[in-house]
């Protein structure tokens, strides 16, 4: 067996240690080279400010409906954690911005959608978790310019009509009742394209209570147009937080010369806001051009139930209501209306053995939303389709809108009572119009096989089969 000198052993040992040391020194470099490059930091000026400008600042600015301003970094920074929490609620009743449509079910194309994408919600969370950094001032987008309180969301109306003045003491109980009639002053027949309603009061933007709707005393107001021959047509209901109503371009609402704005067709609901307040509701009507004639007719396709039996101290109480379409219909909108304990509503279309969920939305009684479908997504439903609404109520301490969850509640006008209504409109379609609308929808959706399109149960059928199906419902 050969012998190895002590010096050679020592030399080999030193060389081995050197190799190990070099490997250890090189290892972090190799690992680092295999990692993804770090993501750029989310900052207020570059990432968060644009989101706030689009979806938040319309309300969150001085003298507006929201309790704090989010115009600047200094305004926003104290509320960072609250913003992360509220935007992360997605479709729950306390989500901000107040758009409660559920994004994992049903139709997802709506006009004037102010909701945040998953990416935007994630950006807000990352920004807050990183300490809410300001970022480079040069990245800040130009500030939005907002119309003052005298301006309208949809532009200057062609006709403005004001309701009678109402008044509430600082701590008065809620009040319901009719408030009279007002001449419109219209001297020629015109068709209404849109109507926007807003409360004007003597608070001048000075909010007394930090609660939703504290700037106002009118919770909701029913109204209609009374024609000279005493025939009438209902108008949309004014509600706190409601967005403007835009009618289908082919289905304007007639306002006849000499029409009266009638506030006796239902009731006004007044509530105190902590300060003696006088107010009235302004109606801004925008008309179609002179000579316009509607080619389609609007009608109510809503559903409701009077059989509400909501138990105290119990969440997730479910009720249903149904209505049957008597004509081929293009459904224009989805508008859940519930009261304080309402937290969710879904709309389903049932045709034969097919059941399709069209829309599901959370609900908050302080922010009533009208979800108007995009024209290329509005449900096209054949006559005989059953529309089902399912309402969910939370009458437990977890629902902060409920004053006393120990109480049973049923149908009633007060906010502490309950309702379950889908206030929806549709357009009646003849057989020929229905076929034409479906042909256009098939082209938009690129439907070629037998699969139905979203909100269009007959879009996957041939024209002959579709006509046969329609005739069977007559």
Protein backbone atom coordinates (compact mmCIF):
# COMPACT_ATOMS: atom_id res chain seq x y z
CA UNK A 1 0.00 0.00 0.00
CA UNK A 2 1.54 3.40 -1.04
CA UNK A 3 2.25 5.97 1.61
CA UNK A 4 1.21 9.65 1.53
CA UNK A 5 3.29 12.30 3.21
CA UNK A 6 1.84 14.52 5.93
CA UNK A 7 2.59 17.63 3.83
CA UNK A 8 0.64 16.25 0.87
CA UNK A 9 -2.34 15.52 3.11
CA UNK A 10 -2.28 19.06 4.44
CA UNK A 11 -2.06 20.46 0.91
CA UNK A 12 -5.04 18.41 -0.27
CA UNK A 13 -7.03 19.55 2.75
CA UNK A 14 -6.33 23.20 2.02
CA UNK A 15 -7.33 22.79 -1.63
CA UNK A 16 -10.59 21.08 -0.63
CA UNK A 17 -11.46 23.87 1.82
CA UNK A 18 -10.82 26.44 -0.91
CA UNK A 19 -13.16 24.66 -3.33
CA UNK A 20 -15.90 24.45 -0.67
CA UNK A 21 -15.49 28.12 0.20
CA UNK A 22 -15.77 29.15 -3.45
CA UNK A 23 -18.88 27.03 -3.86
CA UNK A 24 -20.49 28.60 -0.81
CA UNK A 25 -19.65 32.10 -2.03
CA UNK A 26 -21.04 31.34 -5.49
CA UNK A 27 -24.27 29.68 -4.29
CA UNK A 28 -26.26 32.85 -3.45
CA UNK A 29 -25.43 34.28 -6.87
CA UNK A 30 -26.70 31.16 -8.61
CA UNK A 31 -29.91 31.05 -6.56
CA UNK A 32 -30.52 34.74 -7.11
CA UNK A 33 -30.08 34.34 -10.85
CA UNK A 34 -32.86 31.72 -10.84
CA UNK A 35 -35.40 33.96 -9.05
CA UNK A 36 -37.93 36.30 -10.66
CA UNK A 37 -36.97 39.95 -10.69
CA UNK A 38 -38.71 41.88 -7.90
CA UNK A 39 -42.08 43.42 -8.78
CA UNK A 40 -42.18 47.20 -9.00
CA UNK A 41 -43.51 48.89 -5.91
CA UNK A 42 -47.18 49.93 -5.95
CA UNK A 43 -47.44 53.65 -5.15
CA UNK A 44 -50.24 56.12 -4.65
CA UNK A 45 -49.21 58.51 -7.42
CA UNK A 46 -48.75 55.89 -10.15
CA UNK A 47 -51.23 53.13 -9.25
CA UNK A 48 -53.82 54.13 -6.65
CA UNK A 49 -54.73 57.70 -7.65
CA UNK A 50 -56.06 56.63 -11.11
CA UNK A 51 -58.33 54.05 -9.46
CA UNK A 52 -59.68 56.62 -7.00
CA UNK A 53 -60.27 59.15 -9.76
CA UNK A 54 -62.34 56.72 -11.84
CA UNK A 55 -64.37 54.92 -9.19
CA UNK A 56 -64.28 56.86 -5.90
CA UNK A 57 -63.80 60.61 -6.14
CA UNK A 58 -67.22 61.37 -7.61
CA UNK A 59 -68.56 60.81 -4.08
CA UNK A 60 -65.39 61.13 -1.98
CA UNK A 61 -64.68 64.85 -2.28
CA UNK A 62 -65.61 67.96 -0.30
CA UNK A 63 -69.33 68.74 -0.08
CA UNK A 64 -70.35 65.46 -1.68
CA UNK A 65 -72.25 62.47 -0.30
CA UNK A 66 -69.30 60.54 1.16
CA UNK A 67 -67.95 61.31 4.65
CA UNK A 68 -64.30 61.84 3.62
CA UNK A 69 -62.32 63.19 0.68
CA UNK A 70 -59.97 60.99 -1.36
CA UNK A 71 -58.66 63.63 -3.75
CA UNK A 72 -55.05 63.79 -2.53
CA UNK A 73 -52.48 61.57 -0.88
CA UNK A 74 -52.84 63.56 2.34
CA UNK A 75 -56.62 63.00 2.23
CA UNK A 76 -56.30 59.30 1.48
CA UNK A 77 -53.38 58.09 3.63
CA UNK A 78 -55.29 58.01 6.99
CA UNK A 79 -57.94 55.77 5.42
CA UNK A 80 -55.58 53.29 3.73
CA UNK A 81 -56.45 50.24 5.85
CA UNK A 82 -60.17 50.97 5.63
CA UNK A 83 -59.90 51.29 1.84
CA UNK A 84 -58.17 47.90 1.62
CA UNK A 85 -60.89 46.30 3.76
CA UNK A 86 -63.86 47.86 1.98
CA UNK A 87 -62.62 47.24 -1.59
CA UNK A 88 -61.75 43.66 -0.64
CA UNK A 89 -65.39 42.90 0.21
CA UNK A 90 -66.10 42.62 -3.53
CA UNK A 91 -69.93 42.16 -3.73
CA UNK A 92 -70.85 42.27 -0.03
CA UNK A 93 -73.21 45.01 1.24
CA UNK A 94 -70.40 47.22 2.61
CA UNK A 95 -68.12 47.08 -0.46
CA UNK A 96 -66.71 50.27 -1.91
CA UNK A 97 -67.26 51.52 -4.49
CA UNK A 98 -70.95 50.64 -4.05
CA UNK A 99 -71.36 48.24 -6.97
CA UNK A 100 -72.58 44.90 -5.65
CA UNK A 101 -72.78 42.78 -8.79
CA UNK A 102 -71.22 39.34 -8.27
CA UNK A 103 -68.48 38.74 -10.81
CA UNK A 104 -68.40 34.94 -10.76
CA UNK A 105 -71.90 34.28 -12.06
CA UNK A 106 -74.27 35.54 -14.72
CA UNK A 107 -73.96 38.38 -17.21
CA UNK A 108 -71.04 40.73 -16.58
CA UNK A 109 -71.57 43.56 -19.07
CA UNK A 110 -73.34 46.61 -17.59
CA UNK A 111 -73.39 50.29 -18.40
CA UNK A 112 -71.48 52.68 -16.14
CA UNK A 113 -69.81 49.88 -14.17
CA UNK A 114 -67.73 51.57 -11.44
CA UNK A 115 -66.53 48.34 -9.81
CA UNK A 116 -62.86 47.42 -9.42
CA UNK A 117 -61.12 44.57 -11.22
CA UNK A 118 -59.34 41.82 -9.28
CA UNK A 119 -56.05 43.41 -10.36
CA UNK A 120 -57.07 46.80 -8.95
CA UNK A 121 -58.20 45.27 -5.65
CA UNK A 122 -54.85 43.50 -5.47
CA UNK A 123 -52.96 46.72 -6.13
CA UNK A 124 -54.75 48.46 -3.28
CA UNK A 125 -53.95 45.59 -0.91
CA UNK A 126 -50.28 45.57 -1.95
CA UNK A 127 -50.05 49.34 -1.52
CA UNK A 128 -51.49 49.23 1.99
CA UNK A 129 -49.38 46.23 3.03
CA UNK A 130 -46.24 48.08 1.90
CA UNK A 131 -47.05 51.04 4.16
CA UNK A 132 -49.06 53.08 1.63
CA UNK A 133 -46.08 54.80 -0.06
CA UNK A 134 -46.67 58.10 -1.86
CA UNK A 135 -44.38 57.47 -4.84
CA UNK A 136 -42.94 59.93 -7.33
CA UNK A 137 -44.99 63.16 -7.48
CA UNK A 138 -44.29 63.27 -11.22
CA UNK A 139 -46.41 60.11 -11.65
CA UNK A 140 -49.53 61.78 -10.21
CA UNK A 141 -52.27 62.10 -12.85
CA UNK A 142 -53.84 65.54 -13.39
CA UNK A 143 -56.65 66.15 -10.88
CA UNK A 144 -60.20 65.52 -12.02
CA UNK A 145 -62.44 68.49 -12.54
CA UNK A 146 -65.86 67.97 -11.01
CA UNK A 147 -69.09 69.77 -11.82
CA UNK A 148 -70.52 71.76 -8.95
CA UNK A 149 -73.76 70.81 -7.29
CA UNK A 150 -75.74 72.62 -9.98
CA UNK A 151 -74.46 70.29 -12.73
CA UNK A 152 -76.04 67.04 -13.91
CA UNK A 153 -74.43 63.63 -14.45
CA UNK A 154 -75.88 63.23 -17.95
CA UNK A 155 -75.45 66.82 -19.08
CA UNK A 156 -77.84 69.74 -18.99
CA UNK A 157 -81.46 68.51 -19.20
CA UNK A 158 -83.95 69.78 -21.75
CA UNK A 159 -86.55 70.22 -19.02
CA UNK A 160 -86.22 70.55 -15.24
CA UNK A 161 -89.25 70.09 -12.99
CA UNK A 162 -89.11 70.41 -9.19
CA UNK A 163 -91.24 68.62 -6.63
CA UNK A 164 -93.02 70.53 -3.84
CA UNK A 165 -90.76 71.50 -0.93
CA UNK A 166 -90.71 69.14 2.05
CA UNK A 167 -89.25 69.74 5.51
CA UNK A 168 -88.04 67.55 8.38
CA UNK A 169 -87.05 68.49 11.93
CA UNK A 170 -83.65 67.40 13.22
CA UNK A 171 -84.96 64.34 15.12
CA UNK A 172 -88.40 63.72 13.62
CA UNK A 173 -89.77 60.20 13.04
CA UNK A 174 -89.95 58.90 9.45
CA UNK A 175 -92.87 60.20 7.38
CA UNK A 176 -94.71 58.77 4.36
CA UNK A 177 -97.39 60.30 2.19
CA UNK A 178 -98.30 62.03 -1.09
CA UNK A 179 -96.98 65.56 -1.66
CA UNK A 180 -99.13 66.80 -4.54
CA UNK A 181 -98.78 67.52 -8.26
CA UNK A 182 -96.68 69.95 -10.32
CA UNK A 183 -97.25 71.10 -13.94
CA UNK A 184 -94.38 70.26 -16.28
CA UNK A 185 -94.99 73.32 -18.45
CA UNK A 186 -94.40 71.26 -21.61
CA UNK A 187 -96.15 72.76 -24.63
CA UNK A 188 -95.58 69.95 -27.16
CA UNK A 189 -95.44 66.17 -27.09
CA UNK A 190 -91.90 64.83 -26.57
CA UNK A 191 -90.34 61.45 -25.88
CA UNK A 192 -88.11 61.13 -22.82
CA UNK A 193 -84.67 59.56 -23.43
CA UNK A 194 -83.44 59.76 -19.83
CA UNK A 195 -84.44 61.08 -16.44
CA UNK A 196 -82.09 62.07 -13.63
CA UNK A 197 -83.29 62.90 -10.13
CA UNK A 198 -81.45 64.66 -7.32
CA UNK A 199 -82.25 66.20 -3.97
CA UNK A 200 -81.58 69.89 -3.45
CA UNK A 201 -81.68 71.11 0.16
CA UNK A 202 -80.56 73.97 2.39
CA UNK A 203 -77.69 72.07 4.04
CA UNK A 204 -75.34 73.32 1.29
CA UNK A 205 -73.23 70.18 1.61
CA UNK A 206 -72.73 70.49 5.38
CA UNK A 207 -73.29 66.96 6.64
CA UNK A 208 -74.46 66.68 10.26
CA UNK A 209 -74.12 62.90 10.65
CA UNK A 210 -71.38 60.65 9.29
CA UNK A 211 -73.77 58.07 7.83
CA UNK A 212 -74.92 57.10 4.35
CA UNK A 213 -77.53 59.52 3.09
CA UNK A 214 -76.94 62.02 5.91
CA UNK A 215 -76.83 64.87 3.41
CA UNK A 216 -80.45 64.17 2.45
CA UNK A 217 -83.91 63.81 3.97
CA UNK A 218 -85.72 62.09 1.05
CA UNK A 219 -85.11 58.35 1.18
CA UNK A 220 -87.31 57.59 -1.83
CA UNK A 221 -90.04 59.25 -3.89
CA UNK A 222 -92.55 57.66 -6.27
CA UNK A 223 -93.86 59.73 -9.18
CA UNK A 224 -95.58 59.53 -12.55
CA UNK A 225 -96.67 61.58 -15.54
CA UNK A 226 -100.37 62.42 -15.66
CA UNK A 227 -101.60 63.26 -19.16
CA UNK A 228 -104.38 65.82 -19.85
CA UNK A 229 -106.79 62.94 -20.51
CA UNK A 230 -105.97 61.66 -16.96
CA UNK A 231 -104.10 58.63 -18.28
CA UNK A 232 -100.72 58.21 -16.60
CA UNK A 233 -97.35 56.47 -16.79
CA UNK A 234 -95.01 55.68 -13.93
CA UNK A 235 -91.52 57.14 -13.73
CA UNK A 236 -88.48 55.54 -12.06
CA UNK A 237 -88.36 55.85 -8.29
CA UNK A 238 -85.96 58.38 -6.78
CA UNK A 239 -83.83 56.71 -4.07
CA UNK A 240 -80.72 57.62 -2.11
CA UNK A 241 -77.66 56.56 -4.09
CA UNK A 242 -79.59 55.83 -7.30
CA UNK A 243 -77.87 56.46 -10.60
CA UNK A 244 -79.61 58.11 -13.57
CA UNK A 245 -82.09 56.16 -15.71
CA UNK A 246 -81.46 55.92 -19.46
CA UNK A 247 -84.25 54.33 -21.50
CA UNK A 248 -83.70 52.00 -24.42
CA UNK A 249 -83.00 54.12 -27.53
CA UNK A 250 -85.91 52.45 -29.34
CA UNK A 251 -88.39 52.85 -26.47
CA UNK A 252 -88.71 56.43 -25.27
CA UNK A 253 -91.40 57.40 -22.74
CA UNK A 254 -94.03 59.87 -23.95
CA UNK A 255 -94.48 63.16 -22.11
CA UNK A 256 -97.55 64.84 -23.57
CA UNK A 257 -98.05 68.59 -23.78
CA UNK A 258 -99.69 69.76 -20.57
CA UNK A 259 -98.50 66.73 -18.59
CA UNK A 260 -98.38 66.96 -14.80
CA UNK A 261 -95.67 65.46 -12.60
CA UNK A 262 -97.74 63.48 -10.11
CA UNK A 263 -96.45 62.74 -6.60
CA UNK A 264 -99.67 61.08 -5.42
CA UNK A 265 -99.19 57.78 -7.29
CA UNK A 266 -97.21 56.44 -4.35
CA UNK A 267 -95.53 58.10 -1.42
CA UNK A 268 -92.49 60.03 -0.36
CA UNK A 269 -90.40 58.56 2.47
CA UNK A 270 -88.73 61.25 4.57
CA UNK A 271 -86.19 60.69 7.35
CA UNK A 272 -84.40 63.09 9.66
CA UNK A 273 -80.68 63.73 9.26
CA UNK A 274 -79.84 65.49 12.52
CA UNK A 275 -80.56 69.01 11.33
CA UNK A 276 -83.78 70.82 10.39
CA UNK A 277 -83.80 70.60 6.60
CA UNK A 278 -85.91 71.84 3.69
CA UNK A 279 -85.58 70.01 0.40
CA UNK A 280 -87.10 69.26 -2.98
CA UNK A 281 -86.35 66.78 -5.76
CA UNK A 282 -85.33 68.07 -9.17
CA UNK A 283 -86.22 65.94 -12.21
CA UNK A 284 -83.97 66.47 -15.21
CA UNK A 285 -85.56 65.18 -18.44
CA UNK A 286 -83.61 64.76 -21.65
CA UNK A 287 -85.67 64.27 -24.80
CA UNK A 288 -85.19 62.40 -28.03
CA UNK A 289 -84.93 64.69 -31.09
CA UNK A 290 -88.16 66.19 -32.41
CA UNK A 291 -89.88 63.80 -34.77
CA UNK A 292 -88.60 60.72 -32.94
CA UNK A 293 -91.02 57.81 -32.78
CA UNK A 294 -90.35 54.74 -30.61
CA UNK A 295 -90.22 51.41 -32.41
CA UNK A 296 -90.57 49.36 -29.22
CA UNK A 297 -92.57 49.61 -26.00
CA UNK A 298 -91.25 49.41 -22.47
CA UNK A 299 -93.10 47.42 -19.84
CA UNK A 300 -92.50 46.12 -16.34
CA UNK A 301 -90.87 42.70 -16.08
CA UNK A 302 -90.27 42.87 -12.35
CA UNK A 303 -91.25 40.31 -9.77
CA UNK A 304 -92.19 40.77 -6.12
CA UNK A 305 -93.59 38.94 -3.13
CA UNK A 306 -95.77 40.06 -0.25
CA UNK A 307 -95.17 36.85 1.71
CA UNK A 308 -92.19 37.83 3.82
CA UNK A 309 -91.78 36.12 7.19
CA UNK A 310 -88.37 37.25 8.44
CA UNK A 311 -87.46 35.83 11.82
CA UNK A 312 -85.46 37.68 14.44
CA UNK A 313 -81.81 36.88 15.17
CA UNK A 314 -81.36 34.77 12.07
CA UNK A 315 -79.16 35.20 8.98
CA UNK A 316 -79.44 33.71 5.47
CA UNK A 317 -83.24 33.70 5.22
CA UNK A 318 -84.33 33.01 1.63
CA UNK A 319 -87.53 33.90 -0.26
CA UNK A 320 -88.60 33.58 -3.91
CA UNK A 321 -90.96 35.33 -6.31
CA UNK A 322 -91.91 34.61 -9.93
CA UNK A 323 -93.36 36.27 -13.02
CA UNK A 324 -94.06 34.89 -16.50
CA UNK A 325 -93.17 36.82 -19.67
CA UNK A 326 -96.23 37.19 -21.88
CA UNK A 327 -94.17 38.39 -24.87
CA UNK A 328 -90.74 37.90 -26.36
CA UNK A 329 -88.69 40.30 -24.28
CA UNK A 330 -85.37 42.08 -24.17
CA UNK A 331 -84.71 42.67 -20.47
CA UNK A 332 -83.12 46.09 -19.96
CA UNK A 333 -82.03 46.14 -16.32
CA UNK A 334 -81.86 44.47 -12.94
CA UNK A 335 -82.76 46.56 -9.90
CA UNK A 336 -83.03 44.78 -6.55
CA UNK A 337 -85.15 46.60 -4.00
CA UNK A 338 -85.20 45.32 -0.43
CA UNK A 339 -85.02 46.97 2.97
CA UNK A 340 -82.58 47.11 5.86
CA UNK A 341 -82.20 43.35 6.39
CA UNK A 342 -81.84 42.56 2.66
CA UNK A 343 -78.31 41.53 1.66
CA UNK A 344 -78.51 39.75 -1.73
CA UNK A 345 -80.77 39.08 -4.72
CA UNK A 346 -80.46 36.81 -7.76
CA UNK A 347 -82.41 36.81 -11.03
CA UNK A 348 -82.93 33.52 -12.89
CA UNK A 349 -84.56 32.78 -16.25
CA UNK A 350 -86.40 29.46 -16.47
CA UNK A 351 -87.32 28.23 -19.94
CA UNK A 352 -88.39 24.61 -20.31
CA UNK A 353 -85.75 22.54 -18.52
CA UNK A 354 -83.19 25.33 -18.72
CA UNK A 355 -82.43 27.44 -15.64
CA UNK A 356 -79.92 30.26 -16.10
CA UNK A 357 -78.80 32.78 -13.52
CA UNK A 358 -78.77 36.16 -15.24
CA UNK A 359 -77.53 38.33 -12.38
CA UNK A 360 -76.68 38.12 -8.68
CA UNK A 361 -75.89 41.17 -6.58
CA UNK A 362 -75.34 42.04 -2.97
CA UNK A 363 -77.66 44.67 -1.53
CA UNK A 364 -77.25 47.65 0.79
CA UNK A 365 -80.37 49.67 1.61
CA UNK A 366 -78.27 52.85 1.77
CA UNK A 367 -76.99 52.51 -1.82
CA UNK A 368 -79.70 51.47 -4.27
CA UNK A 369 -78.19 50.47 -7.61
CA UNK A 370 -79.73 50.10 -11.07
CA UNK A 371 -77.76 47.61 -13.17
CA UNK A 372 -78.49 48.37 -16.82
CA UNK A 373 -77.30 45.66 -19.21
CA UNK A 374 -75.10 46.59 -22.14
CA UNK A 375 -77.12 46.40 -25.33
CA UNK A 376 -75.20 43.37 -26.61
CA UNK A 377 -75.65 41.55 -23.28
CA UNK A 378 -79.29 42.33 -22.38
CA UNK A 379 -81.18 39.02 -21.96
CA UNK A 380 -83.28 37.95 -24.97
CA UNK A 381 -86.03 35.75 -23.56
CA UNK A 382 -88.91 34.06 -25.41
CA UNK A 383 -92.50 34.37 -24.31
CA UNK A 384 -93.35 31.90 -21.57
CA UNK A 385 -90.01 32.35 -19.81
CA UNK A 386 -90.36 32.39 -16.02
CA UNK A 387 -88.33 35.03 -14.22
CA UNK A 388 -87.46 34.09 -10.66
CA UNK A 389 -85.97 36.39 -8.05
CA UNK A 390 -84.41 34.96 -4.90
CA UNK A 391 -83.86 37.33 -2.01
CA UNK A 392 -81.60 36.75 0.98
CA UNK A 393 -82.13 38.50 4.32
CA UNK A 394 -79.84 38.84 7.33
CA UNK A 395 -81.80 39.82 10.43
CA UNK A 396 -78.94 39.18 12.84
CA UNK A 397 -76.52 41.40 14.79
CA UNK A 398 -73.99 40.94 11.96
CA UNK A 399 -76.12 43.20 9.73
CA UNK A 400 -75.39 46.76 10.86
CA UNK A 401 -78.29 48.17 8.82
CA UNK A 402 -80.81 46.48 11.13
CA UNK A 403 -81.77 48.63 14.12
CA UNK A 404 -82.94 45.75 16.34
CA UNK A 405 -82.44 42.23 14.93
CA UNK A 406 -84.51 40.70 17.74
CA UNK A 407 -87.68 41.83 15.95
CA UNK A 408 -89.66 39.80 13.43
CA UNK A 409 -90.46 41.72 10.24
CA UNK A 410 -92.74 41.35 7.24
CA UNK A 411 -93.90 43.47 4.33
CA UNK A 412 -94.08 47.20 5.01
CA UNK A 413 -93.02 50.69 3.92
CA UNK A 414 -90.68 51.50 6.79
CA UNK A 415 -86.99 50.68 6.45
CA UNK A 416 -87.35 48.45 9.51
CA UNK A 417 -90.06 46.54 7.61
CA UNK A 418 -89.16 44.72 4.42
CA UNK A 419 -89.76 44.40 0.70
CA UNK A 420 -88.47 42.11 -2.04
CA UNK A 421 -88.91 43.51 -5.56
CA UNK A 422 -86.98 43.46 -8.80
CA UNK A 423 -87.87 46.84 -10.33
CA UNK A 424 -87.02 45.90 -13.93
CA UNK A 425 -88.07 46.99 -17.39
CA UNK A 426 -88.14 45.14 -20.66
CA UNK A 427 -88.93 45.81 -24.29
CA UNK A 428 -91.69 43.81 -25.99
CA UNK A 429 -90.58 42.17 -29.24
CA UNK A 430 -92.66 40.80 -32.09
CA UNK A 431 -91.70 37.43 -33.59
CA UNK A 432 -89.81 39.23 -36.36
CA UNK A 433 -88.04 41.60 -33.95
CA UNK A 434 -87.12 38.68 -31.70
CA UNK A 435 -85.61 36.79 -34.65
CA UNK A 436 -83.67 39.88 -35.73
CA UNK A 437 -82.32 40.53 -32.23
CA UNK A 438 -81.21 36.89 -31.89
CA UNK A 439 -79.52 36.93 -35.29
CA UNK A 440 -77.55 39.99 -34.22
CA UNK A 441 -76.69 38.36 -30.89
CA UNK A 442 -75.53 35.14 -32.60
CA UNK A 443 -73.17 37.18 -34.73
CA UNK A 444 -71.87 39.09 -31.70
CA UNK A 445 -71.34 35.89 -29.71
CA UNK A 446 -70.16 33.89 -32.75
CA UNK A 447 -72.63 31.16 -31.90
CA UNK A 448 -72.47 28.41 -34.52
CA UNK A 449 -73.53 25.24 -32.70
CA UNK A 450 -76.44 24.23 -30.51
CA UNK A 451 -75.16 25.87 -27.36
CA UNK A 452 -77.30 28.82 -26.15
CA UNK A 453 -75.67 32.18 -25.62
CA UNK A 454 -75.58 33.90 -22.21
CA UNK A 455 -79.06 35.25 -21.48
CA UNK A 456 -80.38 33.92 -24.78
CA UNK A 457 -81.75 30.37 -24.39
CA UNK A 458 -82.79 30.06 -28.06
CA UNK A 459 -79.66 31.56 -29.63
CA UNK A 460 -78.23 28.07 -30.24
CA UNK A 461 -81.27 26.88 -32.14
CA UNK A 462 -82.03 27.25 -35.81
CA UNK A 463 -84.47 29.91 -36.95
CA UNK A 464 -87.13 27.29 -37.71
CA UNK A 465 -86.82 25.69 -34.29
CA UNK A 466 -86.91 29.09 -32.64
CA UNK A 467 -90.09 30.10 -34.44
CA UNK A 468 -91.67 26.77 -33.51
CA UNK A 469 -90.73 27.23 -29.87
CA UNK A 470 -92.26 30.69 -29.87
CA UNK A 471 -95.49 29.44 -31.41
CA UNK A 472 -95.77 26.68 -28.78
CA UNK A 473 -95.87 29.33 -26.05
CA UNK A 474 -98.85 31.13 -27.63
